[in-house]
Amino acid sequence: NAATAEATAKASQAALENARLNLEYCTIRSPLDGD
């Protein structure tokens, strides 16, 4: 049960990081200097 809870917590943390990335992707920036 403890190992399962540890894995579930890691999966939730990964989902949290993915949600943060998706929010960052809402702002599209230039990848280089150009025209």
PDB file of all heavy atoms in Angstrom:
ATOM      1  N   ASN A   1       0.825  -1.205   0.000  1.00  0.00           N
ATOM      2  CA  ASN A   1       0.000   0.000   0.000  1.00  0.00           C
ATOM      3  C   ASN A   1       0.867   1.267   0.000  1.00  0.00           C
ATOM      4  O   ASN A   1       0.553   2.259  -0.684  1.00  0.00           O
ATOM      5  CB  ASN A   1      -0.924   0.006   1.217  1.00  0.00           C
ATOM      6  CG  ASN A   1      -1.955  -1.105   1.153  1.00  0.00           C
ATOM      7  OD1 ASN A   1      -2.224  -1.663   0.091  1.00  0.00           O
ATOM      8  ND2 ASN A   1      -2.529  -1.451   2.304  1.00  0.00           N
ATOM      9  N   ALA A   2       1.969   1.222   0.758  1.00  0.00           N
ATOM     10  CA  ALA A   2       2.865   2.380   0.806  1.00  0.00           C
ATOM     11  C   ALA A   2       3.541   2.615  -0.535  1.00  0.00           C
ATOM     12  O   ALA A   2       3.667   3.758  -1.001  1.00  0.00           O
ATOM     13  CB  ALA A   2       3.917   2.185   1.904  1.00  0.00           C
ATOM     14  N   ALA A   3       3.971   1.524  -1.202  1.00  0.00           N
ATOM     15  CA  ALA A   3       4.604   1.667  -2.521  1.00  0.00           C
ATOM     16  C   ALA A   3       3.605   2.187  -3.551  1.00  0.00           C
ATOM     17  O   ALA A   3       3.942   3.010  -4.410  1.00  0.00           O
ATOM     18  CB  ALA A   3       5.184   0.321  -2.959  1.00  0.00           C
ATOM     19  N   THR A   4       2.354   1.698  -3.441  1.00  0.00           N
ATOM     20  CA  THR A   4       1.313   2.183  -4.367  1.00  0.00           C
ATOM     21  C   THR A   4       1.040   3.665  -4.156  1.00  0.00           C
ATOM     22  O   THR A   4       0.880   4.431  -5.117  1.00  0.00           O
ATOM     23  CB  THR A   4       0.028   1.374  -4.163  1.00  0.00           C
ATOM     24  OG1 THR A   4       0.291  -0.012  -4.383  1.00  0.00           O
ATOM     25  CG2 THR A   4      -1.053   1.837  -5.117  1.00  0.00           C
ATOM     26  N   ALA A   5       0.993   4.095  -2.906  1.00  0.00           N
ATOM     27  CA  ALA A   5       0.766   5.507  -2.623  1.00  0.00           C
ATOM     28  C   ALA A   5       1.919   6.364  -3.120  1.00  0.00           C
ATOM     29  O   ALA A   5       1.714   7.482  -3.630  1.00  0.00           O
ATOM     30  CB  ALA A   5       0.559   5.709  -1.123  1.00  0.00           C
ATOM     31  N   GLU A   6       3.147   5.843  -3.010  1.00  0.00           N
ATOM     32  CA  GLU A   6       4.313   6.566  -3.519  1.00  0.00           C
ATOM     33  C   GLU A   6       4.240   6.734  -5.034  1.00  0.00           C
ATOM     34  O   GLU A   6       4.495   7.814  -5.577  1.00  0.00           O
ATOM     35  CB  GLU A   6       5.589   5.812  -3.128  1.00  0.00           C
ATOM     36  CG  GLU A   6       6.875   6.426  -3.654  1.00  0.00           C
ATOM     37  CD  GLU A   6       7.219   7.743  -2.999  1.00  0.00           C
ATOM     38  OE1 GLU A   6       6.749   7.981  -1.864  1.00  0.00           O
ATOM     39  OE2 GLU A   6       7.967   8.533  -3.610  1.00  0.00           O
ATOM     40  N   ALA A   7       3.865   5.658  -5.732  1.00  0.00           N
ATOM     41  CA  ALA A   7       3.740   5.739  -7.189  1.00  0.00           C
ATOM     42  C   ALA A   7       2.619   6.688  -7.601  1.00  0.00           C
ATOM     43  O   ALA A   7       2.755   7.456  -8.563  1.00  0.00           O
ATOM     44  CB  ALA A   7       3.499   4.336  -7.764  1.00  0.00           C
ATOM     45  N   THR A   8       1.501   6.652  -6.858  1.00  0.00           N
ATOM     46  CA  THR A   8       0.390   7.553  -7.177  1.00  0.00           C
ATOM     47  C   THR A   8       0.794   9.012  -6.990  1.00  0.00           C
ATOM     48  O   THR A   8       0.437   9.881  -7.797  1.00  0.00           O
ATOM     49  CB  THR A   8      -0.818   7.222  -6.289  1.00  0.00           C
ATOM     50  OG1 THR A   8      -1.197   5.851  -6.496  1.00  0.00           O
ATOM     51  CG2 THR A   8      -1.995   8.105  -6.618  1.00  0.00           C
ATOM     52  N   ALA A   9       1.579   9.281  -5.939  1.00  0.00           N
ATOM     53  CA  ALA A   9       2.044  10.646  -5.702  1.00  0.00           C
ATOM     54  C   ALA A   9       2.970  11.113  -6.821  1.00  0.00           C
ATOM     55  O   ALA A   9       2.894  12.275  -7.269  1.00  0.00           O
ATOM     56  CB  ALA A   9       2.749  10.738  -4.351  1.00  0.00           C
ATOM     57  N   LYS A  10       3.834  10.221  -7.311  1.00  0.00           N
ATOM     58  CA  LYS A  10       4.727  10.590  -8.412  1.00  0.00           C
ATOM     59  C   LYS A  10       3.928  10.856  -9.695  1.00  0.00           C
ATOM     60  O   LYS A  10       4.239  11.783 -10.455  1.00  0.00           O
ATOM     61  CB  LYS A  10       5.755   9.493  -8.642  1.00  0.00           C
ATOM     62  CG  LYS A  10       6.804   9.383  -7.541  1.00  0.00           C
ATOM     63  CD  LYS A  10       7.831   8.313  -7.862  1.00  0.00           C
ATOM     64  CE  LYS A  10       8.905   8.255  -6.780  1.00  0.00           C
ATOM     65  NZ  LYS A  10       9.914   7.196  -7.076  1.00  0.00           N
ATOM     66  N   ALA A  11       2.921  10.037  -9.941  1.00  0.00           N
ATOM     67  CA  ALA A  11       2.083  10.253 -11.126  1.00  0.00           C
ATOM     68  C   ALA A  11       1.344  11.587 -11.027  1.00  0.00           C
ATOM     69  O   ALA A  11       1.224  12.322 -12.027  1.00  0.00           O
ATOM     70  CB  ALA A  11       1.087   9.102 -11.288  1.00  0.00           C
ATOM     71  N   SER A  12       0.870  11.929  -9.843  1.00  0.00           N
ATOM     72  CA  SER A  12       0.190  13.214  -9.660  1.00  0.00           C
ATOM     73  C   SER A  12       1.151  14.374  -9.864  1.00  0.00           C
ATOM     74  O   SER A  12       0.785  15.412 -10.437  1.00  0.00           O
ATOM     75  CB  SER A  12      -0.445  13.282  -8.274  1.00  0.00           C
ATOM     76  OG  SER A  12      -1.432  12.283  -8.128  1.00  0.00           O
ATOM     77  N   GLN A  13       2.405  14.202  -9.395  1.00  0.00           N
ATOM     78  CA  GLN A  13       3.395  15.245  -9.590  1.00  0.00           C
ATOM     79  C   GLN A  13       3.707  15.438 -11.073  1.00  0.00           C
ATOM     80  O   GLN A  13       3.851  16.567 -11.558  1.00  0.00           O
ATOM     81  CB  GLN A  13       4.676  14.907  -8.807  1.00  0.00           C
ATOM     82  CG  GLN A  13       5.757  15.961  -8.879  1.00  0.00           C
ATOM     83  CD  GLN A  13       5.325  17.277  -8.245  1.00  0.00           C
ATOM     84  OE1 GLN A  13       4.534  17.297  -7.310  1.00  0.00           O
ATOM     85  NE2 GLN A  13       5.847  18.380  -8.765  1.00  0.00           N
ATOM     86  N   ALA A  14       3.796  14.316 -11.807  1.00  0.00           N
ATOM     87  CA  ALA A  14       4.033  14.409 -13.250  1.00  0.00           C
ATOM     88  C   ALA A  14       2.864  15.096 -13.951  1.00  0.00           C
ATOM     89  O   ALA A  14       3.059  15.912 -14.867  1.00  0.00           O
ATOM     90  CB  ALA A  14       4.266  13.015 -13.834  1.00  0.00           C
ATOM     91  N   ALA A  15       1.629  14.771 -13.529  1.00  0.00           N
ATOM     92  CA  ALA A  15       0.463  15.427 -14.119  1.00  0.00           C
ATOM     93  C   ALA A  15       0.467  16.925 -13.809  1.00  0.00           C
ATOM     94  O   ALA A  15       0.063  17.746 -14.647  1.00  0.00           O
ATOM     95  CB  ALA A  15      -0.815  14.784 -13.592  1.00  0.00           C
ATOM     96  N   LEU A  16       0.948  17.298 -12.616  1.00  0.00           N
ATOM     97  CA  LEU A  16       1.033  18.710 -12.253  1.00  0.00           C
ATOM     98  C   LEU A  16       2.043  19.432 -13.140  1.00  0.00           C
ATOM     99  O   LEU A  16       1.779  20.539 -13.631  1.00  0.00           O
ATOM    100  CB  LEU A  16       1.428  18.826 -10.782  1.00  0.00           C
ATOM    101  CG  LEU A  16       1.705  20.232 -10.263  1.00  0.00           C
ATOM    102  CD1 LEU A  16       0.473  21.112 -10.424  1.00  0.00           C
ATOM    103  CD2 LEU A  16       2.144  20.188  -8.802  1.00  0.00           C
ATOM    104  N   GLU A  17       3.199  18.809 -13.372  1.00  0.00           N
ATOM    105  CA  GLU A  17       4.202  19.436 -14.238  1.00  0.00           C
ATOM    106  C   GLU A  17       3.690  19.555 -15.669  1.00  0.00           C
ATOM    107  O   GLU A  17       3.955  20.547 -16.363  1.00  0.00           O
ATOM    108  CB  GLU A  17       5.490  18.615 -14.194  1.00  0.00           C
ATOM    109  CG  GLU A  17       6.173  18.647 -12.827  1.00  0.00           C
ATOM    110  CD  GLU A  17       7.349  17.694 -12.740  1.00  0.00           C
ATOM    111  OE1 GLU A  17       7.619  17.011 -13.755  1.00  0.00           O
ATOM    112  OE2 GLU A  17       7.982  17.630 -11.681  1.00  0.00           O
ATOM    113  N   ASN A  18       2.949  18.565 -16.128  1.00  0.00           N
ATOM    114  CA  ASN A  18       2.380  18.622 -17.474  1.00  0.00           C
ATOM    115  C   ASN A  18       1.351  19.752 -17.583  1.00  0.00           C
ATOM    116  O   ASN A  18       1.281  20.462 -18.597  1.00  0.00           O
ATOM    117  CB  ASN A  18       1.735  17.282 -17.819  1.00  0.00           C
ATOM    118  CG  ASN A  18       1.236  17.236 -19.245  1.00  0.00           C
ATOM    119  OD1 ASN A  18       2.008  17.361 -20.194  1.00  0.00           O
ATOM    120  ND2 ASN A  18      -0.066  17.058 -19.422  1.00  0.00           N
ATOM    121  N   ALA A  19       0.559  19.939 -16.534  1.00  0.00           N
ATOM    122  CA  ALA A  19      -0.419  21.029 -16.534  1.00  0.00           C
ATOM    123  C   ALA A  19       0.279  22.386 -16.566  1.00  0.00           C
ATOM    124  O   ALA A  19      -0.182  23.323 -17.227  1.00  0.00           O
ATOM    125  CB  ALA A  19      -1.319  20.925 -15.308  1.00  0.00           C
ATOM    126  N   ARG A  20       1.391  22.518 -15.837  1.00  0.00           N
ATOM    127  CA  ARG A  20       2.156  23.759 -15.893  1.00  0.00           C
ATOM    128  C   ARG A  20       2.720  24.015 -17.288  1.00  0.00           C
ATOM    129  O   ARG A  20       2.718  25.147 -17.781  1.00  0.00           O
ATOM    130  CB  ARG A  20       3.289  23.704 -14.868  1.00  0.00           C
ATOM    131  CG  ARG A  20       2.825  23.859 -13.422  1.00  0.00           C
ATOM    132  CD  ARG A  20       3.964  23.652 -12.463  1.00  0.00           C
ATOM    133  NE  ARG A  20       3.529  23.836 -11.087  1.00  0.00           N
ATOM    134  CZ  ARG A  20       4.189  23.349 -10.045  1.00  0.00           C
ATOM    135  NH1 ARG A  20       5.306  22.630 -10.228  1.00  0.00           N
ATOM    136  NH2 ARG A  20       3.739  23.550  -8.810  1.00  0.00           N
ATOM    137  N   LEU A  21       3.211  22.947 -17.925  1.00  0.00           N
ATOM    138  CA  LEU A  21       3.726  23.097 -19.286  1.00  0.00           C
ATOM    139  C   LEU A  21       2.637  23.557 -20.241  1.00  0.00           C
ATOM    140  O   LEU A  21       2.852  24.450 -21.074  1.00  0.00           O
ATOM    141  CB  LEU A  21       4.325  21.776 -19.774  1.00  0.00           C
ATOM    142  CG  LEU A  21       5.771  21.476 -19.374  1.00  0.00           C
ATOM    143  CD1 LEU A  21       6.176  20.104 -19.878  1.00  0.00           C
ATOM    144  CD2 LEU A  21       6.711  22.530 -19.915  1.00  0.00           C
ATOM    145  N   ASN A  22       1.465  22.943 -20.144  1.00  0.00           N
ATOM    146  CA  ASN A  22       0.365  23.326 -21.023  1.00  0.00           C
ATOM    147  C   ASN A  22      -0.006  24.792 -20.846  1.00  0.00           C
ATOM    148  O   ASN A  22      -0.329  25.485 -21.812  1.00  0.00           O
ATOM    149  CB  ASN A  22      -0.844  22.435 -20.783  1.00  0.00           C
ATOM    150  CG  ASN A  22      -0.651  21.033 -21.309  1.00  0.00           C
ATOM    151  OD1 ASN A  22       0.161  20.808 -22.209  1.00  0.00           O
ATOM    152  ND2 ASN A  22      -1.377  20.076 -20.755  1.00  0.00           N
ATOM    153  N   LEU A  23       0.051  25.263 -19.602  1.00  0.00           N
ATOM    154  CA  LEU A  23      -0.246  26.677 -19.361  1.00  0.00           C
ATOM    155  C   LEU A  23       0.835  27.566 -19.979  1.00  0.00           C
ATOM    156  O   LEU A  23       0.540  28.626 -20.543  1.00  0.00           O
ATOM    157  CB  LEU A  23      -0.363  26.937 -17.863  1.00  0.00           C
ATOM    158  CG  LEU A  23      -0.742  28.366 -17.455  1.00  0.00           C
ATOM    159  CD1 LEU A  23      -2.080  28.759 -18.076  1.00  0.00           C
ATOM    160  CD2 LEU A  23      -0.785  28.495 -15.939  1.00  0.00           C
ATOM    161  N   GLU A  24       2.099  27.136 -19.898  1.00  0.00           N
ATOM    162  CA  GLU A  24       3.178  27.898 -20.523  1.00  0.00           C
ATOM    163  C   GLU A  24       3.025  27.917 -22.037  1.00  0.00           C
ATOM    164  O   GLU A  24       3.337  28.922 -22.696  1.00  0.00           O
ATOM    165  CB  GLU A  24       4.532  27.303 -20.142  1.00  0.00           C
ATOM    166  CG  GLU A  24       4.922  27.509 -18.695  1.00  0.00           C
ATOM    167  CD  GLU A  24       6.280  26.919 -18.389  1.00  0.00           C
ATOM    168  OE1 GLU A  24       6.985  26.517 -19.350  1.00  0.00           O
ATOM    169  OE2 GLU A  24       6.651  26.862 -17.208  1.00  0.00           O
ATOM    170  N   TYR A  25       2.543  26.809 -22.605  1.00  0.00           N
ATOM    171  CA  TYR A  25       2.391  26.733 -24.062  1.00  0.00           C
ATOM    172  C   TYR A  25       1.310  27.685 -24.568  1.00  0.00           C
ATOM    173  O   TYR A  25       1.234  27.937 -25.780  1.00  0.00           O
ATOM    174  CB  TYR A  25       2.047  25.308 -24.482  1.00  0.00           C
ATOM    175  CG  TYR A  25       3.172  24.316 -24.294  1.00  0.00           C
ATOM    176  CD1 TYR A  25       2.910  22.951 -24.132  1.00  0.00           C
ATOM    177  CD2 TYR A  25       4.497  24.729 -24.277  1.00  0.00           C
ATOM    178  CE1 TYR A  25       3.942  22.042 -23.960  1.00  0.00           C
ATOM    179  CE2 TYR A  25       5.524  23.827 -24.099  1.00  0.00           C
ATOM    180  CZ  TYR A  25       5.235  22.484 -23.940  1.00  0.00           C
ATOM    181  OH  TYR A  25       6.258  21.577 -23.776  1.00  0.00           O
ATOM    182  N   CYS A  26       0.488  28.222 -23.675  1.00  0.00           N
ATOM    183  CA  CYS A  26      -0.513  29.201 -24.110  1.00  0.00           C
ATOM    184  C   CYS A  26       0.134  30.508 -24.553  1.00  0.00           C
ATOM    185  O   CYS A  26      -0.494  31.307 -25.249  1.00  0.00           O
ATOM    186  CB  CYS A  26      -1.510  29.481 -22.979  1.00  0.00           C
ATOM    187  SG  CYS A  26      -2.602  28.096 -22.617  1.00  0.00           S
ATOM    188  N   THR A  27       1.375  30.746 -24.149  1.00  0.00           N
ATOM    189  CA  THR A  27       2.135  31.912 -24.595  1.00  0.00           C
ATOM    190  C   THR A  27       3.182  31.423 -25.587  1.00  0.00           C
ATOM    191  O   THR A  27       4.106  30.695 -25.215  1.00  0.00           O
ATOM    192  CB  THR A  27       2.809  32.615 -23.410  1.00  0.00           C
ATOM    193  OG1 THR A  27       1.805  33.009 -22.463  1.00  0.00           O
ATOM    194  CG2 THR A  27       3.572  33.841 -23.872  1.00  0.00           C
ATOM    195  N   ILE A  28       3.035  31.801 -26.852  1.00  0.00           N
ATOM    196  CA  ILE A  28       3.925  31.335 -27.912  1.00  0.00           C
ATOM    197  C   ILE A  28       4.972  32.414 -28.153  1.00  0.00           C
ATOM    198  O   ILE A  28       4.648  33.557 -28.490  1.00  0.00           O
ATOM    199  CB  ILE A  28       3.132  31.046 -29.205  1.00  0.00           C
ATOM    200  CG1 ILE A  28       2.064  29.984 -28.928  1.00  0.00           C
ATOM    201  CG2 ILE A  28       4.060  30.599 -30.317  1.00  0.00           C
ATOM    202  CD1 ILE A  28       1.174  29.700 -30.118  1.00  0.00           C
ATOM    203  N   ARG A  29       6.238  32.050 -27.980  1.00  0.00           N
ATOM    204  CA  ARG A  29       7.347  33.001 -28.100  1.00  0.00           C
ATOM    205  C   ARG A  29       8.199  32.674 -29.319  1.00  0.00           C
ATOM    206  O   ARG A  29       8.194  31.548 -29.828  1.00  0.00           O
ATOM    207  CB  ARG A  29       8.216  32.969 -26.835  1.00  0.00           C
ATOM    208  CG  ARG A  29       7.436  33.288 -25.556  1.00  0.00           C
ATOM    209  CD  ARG A  29       8.322  33.203 -24.329  1.00  0.00           C
ATOM    210  NE  ARG A  29       7.566  33.459 -23.103  1.00  0.00           N
ATOM    211  CZ  ARG A  29       7.358  34.654 -22.596  1.00  0.00           C
ATOM    212  NH1 ARG A  29       7.885  35.717 -23.190  1.00  0.00           N
ATOM    213  NH2 ARG A  29       6.659  34.806 -21.487  1.00  0.00           N
ATOM    214  N   SER A  30       8.955  33.665 -29.752  1.00  0.00           N
ATOM    215  CA  SER A  30       9.848  33.473 -30.891  1.00  0.00           C
ATOM    216  C   SER A  30      11.044  32.617 -30.470  1.00  0.00           C
ATOM    217  O   SER A  30      11.696  32.916 -29.470  1.00  0.00           O
ATOM    218  CB  SER A  30      10.338  34.822 -31.424  1.00  0.00           C
ATOM    219  OG  SER A  30      11.311  34.636 -32.426  1.00  0.00           O
ATOM    220  N   PRO A  31      11.370  31.561 -31.222  1.00  0.00           N
ATOM    221  CA  PRO A  31      12.505  30.714 -30.850  1.00  0.00           C
ATOM    222  C   PRO A  31      13.856  31.266 -31.293  1.00  0.00           C
ATOM    223  O   PRO A  31      14.887  30.692 -30.945  1.00  0.00           O
ATOM    224  CB  PRO A  31      12.188  29.397 -31.575  1.00  0.00           C
ATOM    225  CG  PRO A  31      11.413  29.818 -32.774  1.00  0.00           C
ATOM    226  CD  PRO A  31      10.621  31.031 -32.370  1.00  0.00           C
ATOM    227  N   LEU A  32      13.876  32.351 -32.069  1.00  0.00           N
ATOM    228  CA  LEU A  32      15.136  32.898 -32.568  1.00  0.00           C
ATOM    229  C   LEU A  32      14.960  34.369 -32.950  1.00  0.00           C
ATOM    230  O   LEU A  32      13.842  34.877 -33.011  1.00  0.00           O
ATOM    231  CB  LEU A  32      15.645  32.092 -33.773  1.00  0.00           C
ATOM    232  CG  LEU A  32      14.673  31.741 -34.902  1.00  0.00           C
ATOM    233  CD1 LEU A  32      14.412  32.916 -35.817  1.00  0.00           C
ATOM    234  CD2 LEU A  32      15.202  30.579 -35.724  1.00  0.00           C
ATOM    235  N   ASP A  33      16.094  35.026 -33.205  1.00  0.00           N
ATOM    236  CA  ASP A  33      16.067  36.384 -33.749  1.00  0.00           C
ATOM    237  C   ASP A  33      15.845  36.290 -35.252  1.00  0.00           C
ATOM    238  O   ASP A  33      16.572  35.569 -35.948  1.00  0.00           O
ATOM    239  CB  ASP A  33      17.391  37.105 -33.474  1.00  0.00           C
ATOM    240  CG  ASP A  33      17.635  37.315 -31.990  1.00  0.00           C
ATOM    241  OD1 ASP A  33      16.654  37.273 -31.227  1.00  0.00           O
ATOM    242  OD2 ASP A  33      18.793  37.511 -31.603  1.00  0.00           O
ATOM    243  N   GLY A  34      14.853  37.008 -35.759  1.00  0.00           N
ATOM    244  CA  GLY A  34      14.579  36.932 -37.183  1.00  0.00           C
ATOM    245  C   GLY A  34      13.497  37.906 -37.588  1.00  0.00           C
ATOM    246  O   GLY A  34      13.134  38.823 -36.845  1.00  0.00           O
ATOM    247  N   ASP A  35      12.990  37.679 -38.796  1.00  0.00           N
ATOM    248  CA  ASP A  35      11.923  38.519 -39.343  1.00  0.00           C
ATOM    249  C   ASP A  35      10.693  37.652 -39.567  1.00  0.00           C
ATOM    250  O   ASP A  35      10.790  36.580 -40.177  1.00  0.00           O
ATOM    251  CB  ASP A  35      12.356  39.157 -40.662  1.00  0.00           C
ATOM    252  CG  ASP A  35      13.470  40.169 -40.467  1.00  0.00           C
ATOM    253  OD1 ASP A  35      14.630  39.746 -40.345  1.00  0.00           O
ATOM    254  OD2 ASP A  35      13.177  41.372 -40.445  1.00  0.00           O
TER     255      ASP A  35
END
